[in-house]
Amino acid sequence: MDSILEEVSNVSVSKIVKWISAGAMIFGGVVPYIPQYREIKRTEDAEGFSLFVCLALLVANTLRILFWFGKRYEIPLLVQSIIMNVTMFAMIHLCVSVRSKNQIIRGRERVFTDFDRRYFWAWTDFISYVDFMLLFTIVCSTLMYLFIDFMLFVELVGFLAVFTEALLGVPQVLCNYQNKSTEGMSLKMVIMWTMGDTFKTAYFLIREAPVQFWLCGGLQVCIDIFILCQVYWYRNSPGIRSKKQDTPD
């Protein structure tokens, strides 16, 4: 009788741990952006945060959602991608609103339909970002539908998804380097990035996720650590404020 109770107890604990880890995977990726969102809202300054971080995550998670149709993986990872995309659009909306409000001299509106590569992902209206991602999703969805039976193509989509996500810290590295400062960037966000990416990589290994997932997860952790090093390097630097992307001609 005791052995049966012990076995039932072990199963229950196992299920609880599984549910907790799944919940952490779904919402853990969003948590680091809460302090950054609050920081931008409080200071009304979005120059320290690179919108290309949002682009990297939107592209990565859209591709990961499409990858699920070609090669099934765990549902929590799929749900995480959907929630992350919603979060990134919220970040973009806030940054565009703040930058528009801070613009002293009203310049020419920059929109996606201008097709001006100089202002790619530096548009002045939120709808342009939505339009671009809608077009990107339609094109990629069509390709996935046409080539879903070709496993090499499906695996390539999976690799591009996790590789793009692994490089999401690179725009922030470049932004910090150009400004010679980490002012405006939330340190809490980067620390949470590092903790979350470490947990995520371990989760991929334990749950035997596709090899692309945990390899790129390790790369992501390395980039996070490099950003933390930038915080140390630029700790006494006043910074060079980079020219705003929306400065009128």
C-alpha atoms as a PDB file:
ATOM      1  CA  MET A   1       0.000   0.000   0.000  1.00  0.00           C
ATOM      2  CA  ASP A   2       2.820   2.390   0.923  1.00  0.00           C
ATOM      3  CA  SER A   3       4.590   1.672  -2.353  1.00  0.00           C
ATOM      4  CA  ILE A   4       1.416   2.471  -4.317  1.00  0.00           C
ATOM      5  CA  LEU A   5       0.954   5.773  -2.459  1.00  0.00           C
ATOM      6  CA  GLU A   6       4.603   6.620  -3.041  1.00  0.00           C
ATOM      7  CA  GLU A   7       4.250   5.862  -6.758  1.00  0.00           C
ATOM      8  CA  VAL A   8       1.108   8.024  -7.017  1.00  0.00           C
ATOM      9  CA  SER A   9       2.903  10.804  -5.138  1.00  0.00           C
ATOM     10  CA  ASN A  10       5.871  10.654  -7.514  1.00  0.00           C
ATOM     11  CA  VAL A  11       3.555  10.834 -10.531  1.00  0.00           C
ATOM     12  CA  SER A  12       1.756  13.852  -9.058  1.00  0.00           C
ATOM     13  CA  VAL A  13       5.019  15.671  -8.329  1.00  0.00           C
ATOM     14  CA  SER A  14       6.221  14.872 -11.852  1.00  0.00           C
ATOM     15  CA  LYS A  15       3.049  16.343 -13.348  1.00  0.00           C
ATOM     16  CA  ILE A  16       3.312  19.469 -11.197  1.00  0.00           C
ATOM     17  CA  VAL A  17       6.929  20.025 -12.240  1.00  0.00           C
ATOM     18  CA  LYS A  18       5.954  19.472 -15.877  1.00  0.00           C
ATOM     19  CA  TRP A  19       3.138  22.031 -15.664  1.00  0.00           C
ATOM     20  CA  ILE A  20       5.373  24.574 -13.909  1.00  0.00           C
ATOM     21  CA  SER A  21       8.134  24.207 -16.496  1.00  0.00           C
ATOM     22  CA  ALA A  22       5.589  24.476 -19.321  1.00  0.00           C
ATOM     23  CA  GLY A  23       4.145  27.636 -17.768  1.00  0.00           C
ATOM     24  CA  ALA A  24       7.636  29.078 -17.367  1.00  0.00           C
ATOM     25  CA  MET A  25       8.327  28.390 -21.048  1.00  0.00           C
ATOM     26  CA  ILE A  26       5.088  30.046 -22.177  1.00  0.00           C
ATOM     27  CA  PHE A  27       5.308  33.226 -20.126  1.00  0.00           C
ATOM     28  CA  GLY A  28       8.999  33.345 -19.198  1.00  0.00           C
ATOM     29  CA  GLY A  29      10.012  34.835 -22.535  1.00  0.00           C
ATOM     30  CA  VAL A  30       7.618  37.760 -22.082  1.00  0.00           C
ATOM     31  CA  VAL A  31       8.657  38.699 -18.524  1.00  0.00           C
ATOM     32  CA  PRO A  32      12.022  40.341 -19.455  1.00  0.00           C
ATOM     33  CA  TYR A  33      10.223  42.943 -21.561  1.00  0.00           C
ATOM     34  CA  ILE A  34       8.000  44.140 -18.708  1.00  0.00           C
ATOM     35  CA  PRO A  35      10.745  46.236 -17.016  1.00  0.00           C
ATOM     36  CA  GLN A  36      11.853  47.598 -20.421  1.00  0.00           C
ATOM     37  CA  TYR A  37       8.252  48.530 -21.276  1.00  0.00           C
ATOM     38  CA  ARG A  38       7.828  50.264 -17.925  1.00  0.00           C
ATOM     39  CA  GLU A  39      11.178  52.056 -18.295  1.00  0.00           C
ATOM     40  CA  ILE A  40      10.222  53.463 -21.710  1.00  0.00           C
ATOM     41  CA  LYS A  41       6.791  54.480 -20.449  1.00  0.00           C
ATOM     42  CA  ARG A  42       8.261  56.158 -17.337  1.00  0.00           C
ATOM     43  CA  THR A  43      11.053  58.075 -19.095  1.00  0.00           C
ATOM     44  CA  GLU A  44       9.228  58.580 -22.404  1.00  0.00           C
ATOM     45  CA  ASP A  45      12.524  57.729 -24.098  1.00  0.00           C
ATOM     46  CA  ALA A  46      12.774  54.756 -26.456  1.00  0.00           C
ATOM     47  CA  GLU A  47      16.213  55.470 -27.949  1.00  0.00           C
ATOM     48  CA  GLY A  48      18.015  53.004 -25.679  1.00  0.00           C
ATOM     49  CA  PHE A  49      15.958  50.080 -26.933  1.00  0.00           C
ATOM     50  CA  SER A  50      16.515  48.721 -30.441  1.00  0.00           C
ATOM     51  CA  LEU A  51      13.335  47.987 -32.386  1.00  0.00           C
ATOM     52  CA  PHE A  52      15.336  45.451 -34.380  1.00  0.00           C
ATOM     53  CA  VAL A  53      15.091  43.225 -31.287  1.00  0.00           C
ATOM     54  CA  CYS A  54      11.341  43.175 -31.937  1.00  0.00           C
ATOM     55  CA  LEU A  55      11.936  42.410 -35.633  1.00  0.00           C
ATOM     56  CA  ALA A  56      14.202  39.469 -34.782  1.00  0.00           C
ATOM     57  CA  LEU A  57      11.644  38.011 -32.386  1.00  0.00           C
ATOM     58  CA  LEU A  58       8.677  38.555 -34.709  1.00  0.00           C
ATOM     59  CA  VAL A  59      10.463  36.840 -37.599  1.00  0.00           C
ATOM     60  CA  ALA A  60      11.798  34.033 -35.387  1.00  0.00           C
ATOM     61  CA  ASN A  61       8.477  33.248 -33.731  1.00  0.00           C
ATOM     62  CA  THR A  62       6.480  33.486 -36.957  1.00  0.00           C
ATOM     63  CA  LEU A  63       8.849  30.977 -38.559  1.00  0.00           C
ATOM     64  CA  ARG A  64       8.648  28.767 -35.461  1.00  0.00           C
ATOM     65  CA  ILE A  65       4.845  28.742 -35.669  1.00  0.00           C
ATOM     66  CA  LEU A  66       5.067  27.681 -39.330  1.00  0.00           C
ATOM     67  CA  PHE A  67       7.695  25.060 -38.423  1.00  0.00           C
ATOM     68  CA  TRP A  68       5.128  23.445 -36.094  1.00  0.00           C
ATOM     69  CA  PHE A  69       2.932  22.603 -39.107  1.00  0.00           C
ATOM     70  CA  GLY A  70       5.820  20.791 -40.781  1.00  0.00           C
ATOM     71  CA  LYS A  71       7.278  19.112 -37.703  1.00  0.00           C
ATOM     72  CA  ARG A  72       5.269  18.913 -34.501  1.00  0.00           C
ATOM     73  CA  TYR A  73       6.957  19.978 -31.283  1.00  0.00           C
ATOM     74  CA  GLU A  74       5.616  20.673 -27.793  1.00  0.00           C
ATOM     75  CA  ILE A  75       2.488  22.849 -27.542  1.00  0.00           C
ATOM     76  CA  PRO A  76       3.971  25.170 -24.828  1.00  0.00           C
ATOM     77  CA  LEU A  77       6.650  26.262 -27.326  1.00  0.00           C
ATOM     78  CA  LEU A  78       3.962  27.011 -29.912  1.00  0.00           C
ATOM     79  CA  VAL A  79       1.873  29.017 -27.440  1.00  0.00           C
ATOM     80  CA  GLN A  80       4.999  30.891 -26.334  1.00  0.00           C
ATOM     81  CA  SER A  81       5.626  32.014 -29.927  1.00  0.00           C
ATOM     82  CA  ILE A  82       2.086  33.376 -30.279  1.00  0.00           C
ATOM     83  CA  ILE A  83       2.265  35.288 -26.982  1.00  0.00           C
ATOM     84  CA  MET A  84       5.727  36.632 -27.836  1.00  0.00           C
ATOM     85  CA  ASN A  85       4.483  38.069 -31.132  1.00  0.00           C
ATOM     86  CA  VAL A  86       1.664  39.886 -29.327  1.00  0.00           C
ATOM     87  CA  THR A  87       4.201  41.251 -26.809  1.00  0.00           C
ATOM     88  CA  MET A  88       6.536  42.510 -29.537  1.00  0.00           C
ATOM     89  CA  PHE A  89       3.720  44.396 -31.252  1.00  0.00           C
ATOM     90  CA  ALA A  90       2.924  46.010 -27.890  1.00  0.00           C
ATOM     91  CA  MET A  91       6.594  47.077 -27.549  1.00  0.00           C
ATOM     92  CA  ILE A  92       6.636  48.489 -31.081  1.00  0.00           C
ATOM     93  CA  HIS A  93       3.405  50.416 -30.498  1.00  0.00           C
ATOM     94  CA  LEU A  94       4.838  52.006 -27.357  1.00  0.00           C
ATOM     95  CA  CYS A  95       8.187  52.919 -28.977  1.00  0.00           C
ATOM     96  CA  VAL A  96       6.559  54.440 -32.070  1.00  0.00           C
ATOM     97  CA  SER A  97       4.178  56.474 -29.896  1.00  0.00           C
ATOM     98  CA  VAL A  98       6.991  57.747 -27.645  1.00  0.00           C
ATOM     99  CA  ARG A  99       9.281  58.656 -30.551  1.00  0.00           C
ATOM    100  CA  SER A 100       6.469  60.480 -32.319  1.00  0.00           C
ATOM    101  CA  LYS A 101       5.671  62.433 -29.158  1.00  0.00           C
ATOM    102  CA  ASN A 102       9.329  63.399 -28.648  1.00  0.00           C
ATOM    103  CA  GLN A 103       9.851  64.598 -32.209  1.00  0.00           C
ATOM    104  CA  ILE A 104      10.374  68.372 -31.900  1.00  0.00           C
ATOM    105  CA  ILE A 105      10.238  69.156 -35.623  1.00  0.00           C
ATOM    106  CA  ARG A 106       7.567  67.167 -37.396  1.00  0.00           C
ATOM    107  CA  GLY A 107       9.228  65.450 -40.328  1.00  0.00           C
ATOM    108  CA  ARG A 108       7.903  63.525 -43.269  1.00  0.00           C
ATOM    109  CA  GLU A 109       5.947  60.416 -42.405  1.00  0.00           C
ATOM    110  CA  ARG A 110       7.854  57.217 -43.155  1.00  0.00           C
ATOM    111  CA  VAL A 111       5.645  54.245 -43.984  1.00  0.00           C
ATOM    112  CA  PHE A 112       6.166  50.714 -45.249  1.00  0.00           C
ATOM    113  CA  THR A 113       4.480  51.439 -48.606  1.00  0.00           C
ATOM    114  CA  ASP A 114       7.233  53.969 -49.424  1.00  0.00           C
ATOM    115  CA  PHE A 115       9.491  50.946 -49.962  1.00  0.00           C
ATOM    116  CA  ASP A 116      12.489  53.074 -48.987  1.00  0.00           C
ATOM    117  CA  ARG A 117      15.160  50.703 -47.679  1.00  0.00           C
ATOM    118  CA  ARG A 118      16.873  53.563 -45.794  1.00  0.00           C
ATOM    119  CA  TYR A 119      13.951  53.652 -43.410  1.00  0.00           C
ATOM    120  CA  PHE A 120      13.279  49.932 -43.173  1.00  0.00           C
ATOM    121  CA  TRP A 121      11.917  49.152 -39.700  1.00  0.00           C
ATOM    122  CA  ALA A 122      12.171  52.849 -38.820  1.00  0.00           C
ATOM    123  CA  TRP A 123       8.679  53.775 -39.905  1.00  0.00           C
ATOM    124  CA  THR A 124       6.734  56.473 -38.119  1.00  0.00           C
ATOM    125  CA  ASP A 125       3.397  54.659 -37.896  1.00  0.00           C
ATOM    126  CA  PHE A 126       2.563  51.415 -36.123  1.00  0.00           C
ATOM    127  CA  ILE A 127       0.424  50.031 -38.980  1.00  0.00           C
ATOM    128  CA  SER A 128       3.483  49.834 -41.242  1.00  0.00           C
ATOM    129  CA  TYR A 129       5.066  47.280 -38.893  1.00  0.00           C
ATOM    130  CA  VAL A 130       1.854  45.255 -38.920  1.00  0.00           C
ATOM    131  CA  ASP A 131       1.675  45.434 -42.727  1.00  0.00           C
ATOM    132  CA  PHE A 132       5.245  44.194 -43.124  1.00  0.00           C
ATOM    133  CA  MET A 133       4.732  41.253 -40.768  1.00  0.00           C
ATOM    134  CA  LEU A 134       1.435  40.397 -42.465  1.00  0.00           C
ATOM    135  CA  LEU A 135       3.171  40.301 -45.858  1.00  0.00           C
ATOM    136  CA  PHE A 136       6.075  38.280 -44.414  1.00  0.00           C
ATOM    137  CA  THR A 137       3.645  35.769 -42.855  1.00  0.00           C
ATOM    138  CA  ILE A 138       1.637  35.351 -46.074  1.00  0.00           C
ATOM    139  CA  VAL A 139       4.760  34.732 -48.181  1.00  0.00           C
ATOM    140  CA  CYS A 140       6.267  32.263 -45.685  1.00  0.00           C
ATOM    141  CA  SER A 141       2.941  30.476 -45.172  1.00  0.00           C
ATOM    142  CA  THR A 142       2.573  30.011 -48.933  1.00  0.00           C
ATOM    143  CA  LEU A 143       6.072  28.563 -49.191  1.00  0.00           C
ATOM    144  CA  MET A 144       5.435  26.233 -46.265  1.00  0.00           C
ATOM    145  CA  TYR A 145       2.181  25.042 -47.858  1.00  0.00           C
ATOM    146  CA  LEU A 146       3.946  24.337 -51.170  1.00  0.00           C
ATOM    147  CA  PHE A 147       7.016  22.612 -49.709  1.00  0.00           C
ATOM    148  CA  ILE A 148       5.649  21.027 -46.534  1.00  0.00           C
ATOM    149  CA  ASP A 149       6.407  17.535 -47.855  1.00  0.00           C
ATOM    150  CA  PHE A 150      10.086  18.377 -48.354  1.00  0.00           C
ATOM    151  CA  MET A 151      11.655  17.694 -44.972  1.00  0.00           C
ATOM    152  CA  LEU A 152      14.859  19.531 -45.861  1.00  0.00           C
ATOM    153  CA  PHE A 153      12.856  22.734 -46.380  1.00  0.00           C
ATOM    154  CA  VAL A 154      10.918  22.209 -43.138  1.00  0.00           C
ATOM    155  CA  GLU A 155      14.145  21.671 -41.182  1.00  0.00           C
ATOM    156  CA  LEU A 156      15.601  24.817 -42.768  1.00  0.00           C
ATOM    157  CA  VAL A 157      12.597  26.830 -41.557  1.00  0.00           C
ATOM    158  CA  GLY A 158      13.116  25.436 -38.054  1.00  0.00           C
ATOM    159  CA  PHE A 159      16.797  26.332 -38.122  1.00  0.00           C
ATOM    160  CA  LEU A 160      16.132  29.870 -39.377  1.00  0.00           C
ATOM    161  CA  ALA A 161      13.528  30.339 -36.643  1.00  0.00           C
ATOM    162  CA  VAL A 162      15.805  29.486 -33.735  1.00  0.00           C
ATOM    163  CA  PHE A 163      18.920  31.013 -35.335  1.00  0.00           C
ATOM    164  CA  THR A 164      17.146  34.360 -35.821  1.00  0.00           C
ATOM    165  CA  GLU A 165      15.958  34.243 -32.211  1.00  0.00           C
ATOM    166  CA  ALA A 166      19.485  33.422 -31.076  1.00  0.00           C
ATOM    167  CA  LEU A 167      20.703  36.627 -32.717  1.00  0.00           C
ATOM    168  CA  LEU A 168      18.007  38.859 -31.196  1.00  0.00           C
ATOM    169  CA  GLY A 169      20.543  40.389 -28.800  1.00  0.00           C
ATOM    170  CA  VAL A 170      22.815  41.541 -31.647  1.00  0.00           C
ATOM    171  CA  PRO A 171      20.754  44.695 -32.475  1.00  0.00           C
ATOM    172  CA  GLN A 172      20.952  45.673 -28.795  1.00  0.00           C
ATOM    173  CA  VAL A 173      24.727  45.064 -28.824  1.00  0.00           C
ATOM    174  CA  LEU A 174      25.062  47.376 -31.848  1.00  0.00           C
ATOM    175  CA  CYS A 175      22.758  49.991 -30.305  1.00  0.00           C
ATOM    176  CA  ASN A 176      24.881  50.027 -27.134  1.00  0.00           C
ATOM    177  CA  TYR A 177      28.081  50.231 -29.183  1.00  0.00           C
ATOM    178  CA  GLN A 178      26.816  53.140 -31.305  1.00  0.00           C
ATOM    179  CA  ASN A 179      25.676  55.054 -28.218  1.00  0.00           C
ATOM    180  CA  LYS A 180      28.821  54.049 -26.285  1.00  0.00           C
ATOM    181  CA  SER A 181      26.381  53.584 -23.423  1.00  0.00           C
ATOM    182  CA  THR A 182      23.688  51.268 -22.121  1.00  0.00           C
ATOM    183  CA  GLU A 183      21.562  54.178 -20.915  1.00  0.00           C
ATOM    184  CA  GLY A 184      17.882  53.595 -21.667  1.00  0.00           C
ATOM    185  CA  MET A 185      18.355  49.830 -21.810  1.00  0.00           C
ATOM    186  CA  SER A 186      16.814  47.952 -18.907  1.00  0.00           C
ATOM    187  CA  LEU A 187      19.480  45.957 -17.064  1.00  0.00           C
ATOM    188  CA  LYS A 188      16.694  43.882 -15.518  1.00  0.00           C
ATOM    189  CA  MET A 189      15.577  42.922 -19.016  1.00  0.00           C
ATOM    190  CA  VAL A 190      19.044  41.618 -19.953  1.00  0.00           C
ATOM    191  CA  ILE A 191      19.461  39.722 -16.669  1.00  0.00           C
ATOM    192  CA  MET A 192      16.058  38.122 -17.238  1.00  0.00           C
ATOM    193  CA  TRP A 193      17.083  37.375 -20.840  1.00  0.00           C
ATOM    194  CA  THR A 194      20.131  35.508 -19.562  1.00  0.00           C
ATOM    195  CA  MET A 195      18.234  33.579 -16.909  1.00  0.00           C
ATOM    196  CA  GLY A 196      15.374  32.775 -19.281  1.00  0.00           C
ATOM    197  CA  ASP A 197      17.612  31.686 -22.144  1.00  0.00           C
ATOM    198  CA  THR A 198      19.644  29.473 -19.802  1.00  0.00           C
ATOM    199  CA  PHE A 199      16.455  27.837 -18.531  1.00  0.00           C
ATOM    200  CA  LYS A 200      15.104  27.535 -22.073  1.00  0.00           C
ATOM    201  CA  THR A 201      18.266  25.842 -23.365  1.00  0.00           C
ATOM    202  CA  ALA A 202      18.201  23.389 -20.451  1.00  0.00           C
ATOM    203  CA  TYR A 203      14.491  22.748 -21.152  1.00  0.00           C
ATOM    204  CA  PHE A 204      15.278  21.988 -24.806  1.00  0.00           C
ATOM    205  CA  LEU A 205      17.965  19.500 -23.775  1.00  0.00           C
ATOM    206  CA  ILE A 206      15.834  17.760 -21.145  1.00  0.00           C
ATOM    207  CA  ARG A 207      12.725  17.577 -23.341  1.00  0.00           C
ATOM    208  CA  GLU A 208      14.813  16.402 -26.318  1.00  0.00           C
ATOM    209  CA  ALA A 209      13.622  19.241 -28.566  1.00  0.00           C
ATOM    210  CA  PRO A 210      14.972  19.384 -32.156  1.00  0.00           C
ATOM    211  CA  VAL A 211      18.736  19.953 -32.184  1.00  0.00           C
ATOM    212  CA  GLN A 212      18.345  23.425 -33.752  1.00  0.00           C
ATOM    213  CA  PHE A 213      16.574  24.612 -30.605  1.00  0.00           C
ATOM    214  CA  TRP A 214      19.254  23.875 -28.015  1.00  0.00           C
ATOM    215  CA  LEU A 215      22.242  24.762 -30.216  1.00  0.00           C
ATOM    216  CA  CYS A 216      20.884  28.237 -30.922  1.00  0.00           C
ATOM    217  CA  GLY A 217      19.763  28.537 -27.312  1.00  0.00           C
ATOM    218  CA  GLY A 218      23.396  28.217 -26.256  1.00  0.00           C
ATOM    219  CA  LEU A 219      24.404  30.933 -28.737  1.00  0.00           C
ATOM    220  CA  GLN A 220      21.680  33.170 -27.305  1.00  0.00           C
ATOM    221  CA  VAL A 221      23.071  32.802 -23.782  1.00  0.00           C
ATOM    222  CA  CYS A 222      26.539  33.835 -25.020  1.00  0.00           C
ATOM    223  CA  ILE A 223      25.153  37.025 -26.602  1.00  0.00           C
ATOM    224  CA  ASP A 224      23.238  37.843 -23.405  1.00  0.00           C
ATOM    225  CA  ILE A 225      26.465  37.556 -21.415  1.00  0.00           C
ATOM    226  CA  PHE A 226      28.218  39.860 -23.908  1.00  0.00           C
ATOM    227  CA  ILE A 227      25.522  42.532 -23.364  1.00  0.00           C
ATOM    228  CA  LEU A 228      26.073  42.248 -19.617  1.00  0.00           C
ATOM    229  CA  CYS A 229      29.778  42.833 -20.295  1.00  0.00           C
ATOM    230  CA  GLN A 230      28.829  46.001 -22.196  1.00  0.00           C
ATOM    231  CA  VAL A 231      27.034  47.237 -19.079  1.00  0.00           C
ATOM    232  CA  TYR A 232      30.361  46.914 -17.226  1.00  0.00           C
ATOM    233  CA  TRP A 233      32.462  48.447 -20.035  1.00  0.00           C
ATOM    234  CA  TYR A 234      30.223  51.493 -20.462  1.00  0.00           C
ATOM    235  CA  ARG A 235      29.418  51.970 -16.762  1.00  0.00           C
ATOM    236  CA  ASN A 236      31.320  55.298 -16.591  1.00  0.00           C
ATOM    237  CA  SER A 237      30.602  56.433 -20.145  1.00  0.00           C
ATOM    238  CA  PRO A 238      28.261  59.416 -20.625  1.00  0.00           C
ATOM    239  CA  GLY A 239      27.362  58.003 -24.014  1.00  0.00           C
ATOM    240  CA  ILE A 240      27.011  59.440 -27.494  1.00  0.00           C
ATOM    241  CA  ARG A 241      23.382  59.903 -28.363  1.00  0.00           C
ATOM    242  CA  SER A 242      22.860  58.317 -31.758  1.00  0.00           C
ATOM    243  CA  LYS A 243      21.058  60.287 -34.403  1.00  0.00           C
ATOM    244  CA  LYS A 244      17.364  59.504 -34.308  1.00  0.00           C
ATOM    245  CA  GLN A 245      16.106  57.434 -37.204  1.00  0.00           C
ATOM    246  CA  ASP A 246      13.074  59.671 -37.683  1.00  0.00           C
ATOM    247  CA  THR A 247      15.029  62.952 -37.983  1.00  0.00           C
ATOM    248  CA  PRO A 248      13.493  64.855 -40.930  1.00  0.00           C
ATOM    249  CA  ASP A 249      15.505  65.394 -44.074  1.00  0.00           C
END
